[in-house]
N, C-alpha and C. Protein backbone atom coordinates (compact mmCIF):
# COMPACT_ATOMS: atom_id res chain seq x y z
N MET A 1 91.87 106.43 132.30
CA MET A 1 93.08 107.17 131.99
C MET A 1 94.29 106.25 132.04
N ALA A 2 94.34 105.34 133.01
CA ALA A 2 95.47 104.43 133.14
C ALA A 2 95.58 103.51 131.93
N ASP A 3 94.42 103.12 131.35
CA ASP A 3 94.44 102.25 130.17
C ASP A 3 95.09 102.95 128.98
N THR A 4 94.80 104.22 128.80
CA THR A 4 95.39 105.00 127.71
C THR A 4 96.90 105.10 127.89
N GLN A 5 97.33 105.35 129.13
CA GLN A 5 98.75 105.45 129.43
C GLN A 5 99.45 104.11 129.18
N GLN A 6 98.79 103.01 129.54
CA GLN A 6 99.35 101.68 129.33
C GLN A 6 99.49 101.38 127.83
N VAL A 7 98.48 101.76 127.03
CA VAL A 7 98.53 101.57 125.59
C VAL A 7 99.66 102.40 124.99
N ASP A 8 99.80 103.66 125.44
CA ASP A 8 100.87 104.52 124.95
C ASP A 8 102.25 103.93 125.26
N GLN A 9 102.42 103.41 126.46
CA GLN A 9 103.70 102.81 126.84
C GLN A 9 103.99 101.57 126.01
N LYS A 10 102.97 100.78 125.75
CA LYS A 10 103.14 99.58 124.93
C LYS A 10 103.54 99.98 123.51
N ALA A 11 102.90 101.02 122.97
CA ALA A 11 103.23 101.50 121.62
C ALA A 11 104.66 102.03 121.60
N GLU A 12 105.06 102.77 122.62
CA GLU A 12 106.42 103.30 122.69
C GLU A 12 107.45 102.18 122.72
N ARG A 13 107.17 101.12 123.46
CA ARG A 13 108.08 99.97 123.52
C ARG A 13 108.17 99.29 122.16
N LYS A 14 107.05 99.17 121.45
CA LYS A 14 107.04 98.55 120.12
C LYS A 14 107.84 99.41 119.15
N VAL A 15 107.66 100.72 119.19
CA VAL A 15 108.42 101.64 118.34
C VAL A 15 109.91 101.46 118.61
N ALA A 16 110.28 101.42 119.88
CA ALA A 16 111.70 101.28 120.24
C ALA A 16 112.27 99.95 119.75
N ARG A 17 111.50 98.87 119.88
CA ARG A 17 111.95 97.54 119.42
C ARG A 17 112.15 97.53 117.90
N LEU A 18 111.17 98.08 117.18
CA LEU A 18 111.28 98.12 115.72
C LEU A 18 112.46 98.99 115.29
N ALA A 19 112.63 100.15 115.93
CA ALA A 19 113.75 101.03 115.58
C ALA A 19 115.08 100.33 115.82
N LYS A 20 115.17 99.56 116.90
CA LYS A 20 116.40 98.81 117.20
C LYS A 20 116.65 97.76 116.12
N GLN A 21 115.60 97.07 115.68
CA GLN A 21 115.74 96.07 114.62
C GLN A 21 116.17 96.74 113.31
N ILE A 22 115.62 97.91 113.02
CA ILE A 22 116.00 98.65 111.81
C ILE A 22 117.47 99.05 111.91
N ASP A 23 117.89 99.55 113.08
CA ASP A 23 119.29 99.93 113.28
C ASP A 23 120.22 98.73 113.08
N THR A 24 119.84 97.59 113.62
CA THR A 24 120.65 96.38 113.49
C THR A 24 120.78 95.99 112.02
N PHE A 25 119.67 96.04 111.29
CA PHE A 25 119.70 95.74 109.85
C PHE A 25 120.62 96.72 109.13
N ALA A 26 120.47 98.00 109.41
CA ALA A 26 121.27 99.03 108.75
C ALA A 26 122.77 98.82 109.00
N LYS A 27 123.13 98.50 110.23
CA LYS A 27 124.54 98.27 110.56
C LYS A 27 125.09 97.05 109.82
N ALA A 28 124.27 96.03 109.67
CA ALA A 28 124.70 94.80 108.99
C ALA A 28 124.81 94.97 107.48
N HIS A 29 124.15 95.99 106.93
CA HIS A 29 124.10 96.14 105.47
C HIS A 29 124.67 97.48 104.98
N GLY A 30 125.48 98.12 105.80
CA GLY A 30 126.14 99.35 105.37
C GLY A 30 125.21 100.53 105.24
N GLY A 31 124.10 100.51 105.95
CA GLY A 31 123.08 101.56 105.86
C GLY A 31 121.81 100.97 105.30
N ALA A 32 120.73 101.71 105.42
CA ALA A 32 119.44 101.19 104.93
C ALA A 32 118.50 102.33 104.58
N GLU A 33 117.59 102.00 103.69
CA GLU A 33 116.47 102.87 103.34
C GLU A 33 115.21 102.02 103.51
N GLY A 34 114.07 102.66 103.58
CA GLY A 34 112.86 101.89 103.79
C GLY A 34 111.63 102.47 103.12
N GLN A 35 110.55 101.71 103.22
CA GLN A 35 109.25 102.12 102.72
C GLN A 35 108.19 101.51 103.62
N VAL A 36 107.21 102.29 104.02
CA VAL A 36 106.14 101.80 104.88
C VAL A 36 104.89 101.60 104.03
N ALA A 37 104.33 100.40 104.10
CA ALA A 37 103.12 100.08 103.33
C ALA A 37 102.02 99.58 104.26
N TYR A 38 100.87 100.17 104.19
CA TYR A 38 99.71 99.75 104.96
C TYR A 38 99.26 98.38 104.47
N ILE A 39 99.05 97.43 105.38
CA ILE A 39 98.63 96.08 104.97
C ILE A 39 97.30 95.68 105.60
N GLY A 40 96.46 96.65 105.86
CA GLY A 40 95.14 96.35 106.38
C GLY A 40 95.14 96.17 107.89
N GLU A 41 94.27 95.31 108.36
CA GLU A 41 94.11 95.10 109.80
C GLU A 41 95.39 94.62 110.48
N ARG A 42 96.28 93.98 109.74
CA ARG A 42 97.53 93.50 110.32
C ARG A 42 98.46 94.63 110.70
N GLY A 43 98.29 95.81 110.09
CA GLY A 43 99.14 96.95 110.41
C GLY A 43 99.85 97.50 109.20
N ALA A 44 101.18 97.58 109.30
CA ALA A 44 101.99 98.15 108.22
C ALA A 44 103.28 97.36 108.09
N ARG A 45 103.74 97.25 106.87
CA ARG A 45 104.97 96.53 106.57
C ARG A 45 106.07 97.56 106.34
N ILE A 46 107.20 97.36 106.99
CA ILE A 46 108.37 98.21 106.78
C ILE A 46 109.34 97.40 105.93
N VAL A 47 109.50 97.81 104.68
CA VAL A 47 110.43 97.13 103.77
C VAL A 47 111.77 97.86 103.89
N LEU A 48 112.83 97.09 104.15
CA LEU A 48 114.17 97.65 104.31
C LEU A 48 115.07 97.17 103.20
N VAL A 49 115.87 98.08 102.65
CA VAL A 49 116.85 97.74 101.63
C VAL A 49 118.19 98.30 102.09
N GLY A 50 119.17 97.41 102.21
CA GLY A 50 120.49 97.83 102.64
C GLY A 50 121.31 98.38 101.49
N GLU A 51 122.35 99.12 101.82
CA GLU A 51 123.25 99.67 100.81
C GLU A 51 123.94 98.57 100.01
N ASP A 52 124.05 97.38 100.60
CA ASP A 52 124.69 96.25 99.90
C ASP A 52 123.70 95.44 99.06
N GLY A 53 122.44 95.88 98.99
CA GLY A 53 121.43 95.17 98.20
C GLY A 53 120.63 94.16 99.00
N GLY A 54 121.04 93.90 100.23
CA GLY A 54 120.27 92.99 101.09
C GLY A 54 118.94 93.63 101.44
N TRP A 55 117.96 92.82 101.70
CA TRP A 55 116.64 93.36 102.00
C TRP A 55 115.92 92.51 103.04
N GLY A 56 114.92 93.09 103.64
CA GLY A 56 114.12 92.40 104.64
C GLY A 56 112.90 93.23 104.95
N ASP A 57 112.07 92.72 105.83
CA ASP A 57 110.90 93.50 106.22
C ASP A 57 110.51 93.21 107.65
N LEU A 58 109.75 94.12 108.20
CA LEU A 58 109.21 94.02 109.55
C LEU A 58 107.73 94.38 109.47
N VAL A 59 106.94 93.87 110.38
CA VAL A 59 105.52 94.24 110.42
C VAL A 59 105.25 94.95 111.74
N ALA A 60 104.63 96.11 111.63
CA ALA A 60 104.24 96.91 112.79
C ALA A 60 102.72 96.80 112.96
N PRO A 61 102.23 96.92 114.18
CA PRO A 61 100.79 96.78 114.40
C PRO A 61 99.95 97.92 113.81
N SER A 62 100.60 99.03 113.44
CA SER A 62 99.87 100.14 112.81
C SER A 62 100.83 100.95 111.95
N ALA A 63 100.26 101.71 111.01
CA ALA A 63 101.08 102.57 110.16
C ALA A 63 101.74 103.66 111.00
N GLU A 64 101.05 104.14 112.01
CA GLU A 64 101.60 105.18 112.89
C GLU A 64 102.84 104.66 113.62
N ILE A 65 102.77 103.47 114.16
CA ILE A 65 103.92 102.89 114.86
C ILE A 65 105.07 102.65 113.88
N ALA A 66 104.75 102.17 112.69
CA ALA A 66 105.79 101.94 111.67
C ALA A 66 106.49 103.25 111.32
N GLN A 67 105.71 104.30 111.13
CA GLN A 67 106.27 105.61 110.77
C GLN A 67 107.16 106.14 111.90
N GLN A 68 106.70 106.00 113.13
CA GLN A 68 107.50 106.45 114.27
C GLN A 68 108.80 105.66 114.38
N ALA A 69 108.75 104.37 114.07
CA ALA A 69 109.95 103.52 114.16
C ALA A 69 110.99 103.92 113.12
N VAL A 70 110.57 104.15 111.87
CA VAL A 70 111.55 104.54 110.84
C VAL A 70 112.12 105.93 111.14
N GLU A 71 111.29 106.81 111.69
CA GLU A 71 111.78 108.14 112.07
C GLU A 71 112.79 108.04 113.20
N LYS A 72 112.49 107.21 114.19
CA LYS A 72 113.40 107.02 115.34
C LYS A 72 114.72 106.41 114.87
N ALA A 73 114.65 105.49 113.90
CA ALA A 73 115.86 104.85 113.38
C ALA A 73 116.66 105.81 112.48
N GLY A 74 116.00 106.83 111.97
CA GLY A 74 116.69 107.84 111.16
C GLY A 74 117.04 107.42 109.74
N ILE A 75 116.30 106.46 109.19
CA ILE A 75 116.59 106.04 107.81
C ILE A 75 115.79 106.88 106.82
N THR A 76 116.24 106.89 105.58
CA THR A 76 115.50 107.54 104.50
C THR A 76 114.28 106.68 104.19
N VAL A 77 113.11 107.30 104.08
CA VAL A 77 111.87 106.58 103.81
C VAL A 77 111.32 107.05 102.47
N HIS A 78 110.98 106.09 101.62
CA HIS A 78 110.43 106.37 100.30
C HIS A 78 108.92 106.21 100.32
N GLU A 79 108.25 106.97 99.47
CA GLU A 79 106.79 106.90 99.37
C GLU A 79 106.33 105.58 98.74
N SER A 80 107.12 105.09 97.78
CA SER A 80 106.74 103.85 97.10
C SER A 80 107.97 102.99 96.85
N PHE A 81 107.73 101.74 96.53
CA PHE A 81 108.81 100.79 96.31
C PHE A 81 109.01 100.66 94.80
N ASP A 82 109.72 101.63 94.23
CA ASP A 82 109.96 101.60 92.80
C ASP A 82 111.22 102.41 92.47
N GLY A 83 111.52 102.52 91.19
CA GLY A 83 112.64 103.33 90.74
C GLY A 83 113.98 102.88 91.28
N GLU A 84 114.82 103.87 91.57
CA GLU A 84 116.18 103.60 92.05
C GLU A 84 116.16 102.82 93.36
N PHE A 85 115.20 103.10 94.21
CA PHE A 85 115.10 102.41 95.49
C PHE A 85 114.91 100.90 95.27
N ALA A 86 113.94 100.52 94.46
CA ALA A 86 113.69 99.09 94.19
C ALA A 86 114.86 98.46 93.45
N ALA A 87 115.54 99.23 92.61
CA ALA A 87 116.66 98.69 91.84
C ALA A 87 117.84 98.31 92.71
N LYS A 88 117.89 98.82 93.95
CA LYS A 88 118.99 98.48 94.87
C LYS A 88 118.89 97.04 95.38
N VAL A 89 117.71 96.45 95.34
CA VAL A 89 117.51 95.10 95.86
C VAL A 89 118.25 94.09 95.00
N GLN A 90 119.04 93.26 95.65
CA GLN A 90 119.73 92.19 94.93
C GLN A 90 119.09 90.86 95.30
N THR A 91 118.68 90.14 94.29
CA THR A 91 118.08 88.83 94.51
C THR A 91 119.05 87.75 94.06
N GLY A 92 118.91 86.61 94.67
CA GLY A 92 119.77 85.49 94.34
C GLY A 92 118.96 84.32 93.84
N PRO A 93 119.61 83.17 93.69
CA PRO A 93 118.93 81.97 93.19
C PRO A 93 117.73 81.56 94.04
N TYR A 94 117.83 81.73 95.35
CA TYR A 94 116.72 81.35 96.23
C TYR A 94 115.45 82.12 95.86
N GLU A 95 115.58 83.45 95.73
CA GLU A 95 114.41 84.26 95.42
C GLU A 95 113.83 83.92 94.06
N TRP A 96 114.71 83.72 93.06
CA TRP A 96 114.22 83.39 91.72
C TRP A 96 113.52 82.04 91.71
N LYS A 97 114.04 81.09 92.46
CA LYS A 97 113.41 79.77 92.53
C LYS A 97 112.03 79.89 93.19
N ARG A 98 111.96 80.67 94.28
CA ARG A 98 110.67 80.87 94.96
C ARG A 98 109.66 81.54 94.04
N MET A 99 110.11 82.57 93.32
CA MET A 99 109.19 83.29 92.43
C MET A 99 108.72 82.36 91.30
N ALA A 100 109.61 81.57 90.77
CA ALA A 100 109.23 80.64 89.69
C ALA A 100 108.29 79.58 90.24
N GLY A 101 108.54 79.11 91.44
CA GLY A 101 107.68 78.09 92.04
C GLY A 101 106.26 78.60 92.26
N ILE A 102 106.15 79.85 92.65
CA ILE A 102 104.83 80.44 92.86
C ILE A 102 104.10 80.54 91.53
N GLN A 103 104.81 80.90 90.47
CA GLN A 103 104.19 81.07 89.16
C GLN A 103 103.72 79.74 88.57
N ILE A 104 104.46 78.66 88.84
CA ILE A 104 104.08 77.37 88.25
C ILE A 104 103.39 76.45 89.25
N GLY A 105 103.01 77.04 90.40
CA GLY A 105 102.22 76.27 91.37
C GLY A 105 103.05 75.39 92.28
N GLY A 106 104.35 75.65 92.41
CA GLY A 106 105.21 74.80 93.23
C GLY A 106 105.51 75.32 94.57
C-alpha cells in the first residue's frame, strides 16, 4: 500500500512541476494553448503554442500525467496539431535552416 501512495505522490509532484512550467511558458508568451501526443514508452509530449507565436514542448512520463498537467495549468487543449492552432506557430531562420538541413542530410 505504501508503494502505491509513494507512486501517487511522485506523479502528483510531476504534474505540479509540468503545470508550473506550462504556466511559466504561458506568462512569457501572452497565454498558451497546447496539444498532448502519445509518444510510446517515453510517455506523452505536450506541445505548447503561445499567443505570440512562440512554441515549445515538454515530455511527461505518461499521457495521464500530461493530461492532468494541462488541466491543472488551465490552458486550452486541442485534439490535434493542425488548422488554426498550428497556424499560430511562428518559425524563424533557425527552424527553416534545421528543417532544410534534415532534408538534405545536414
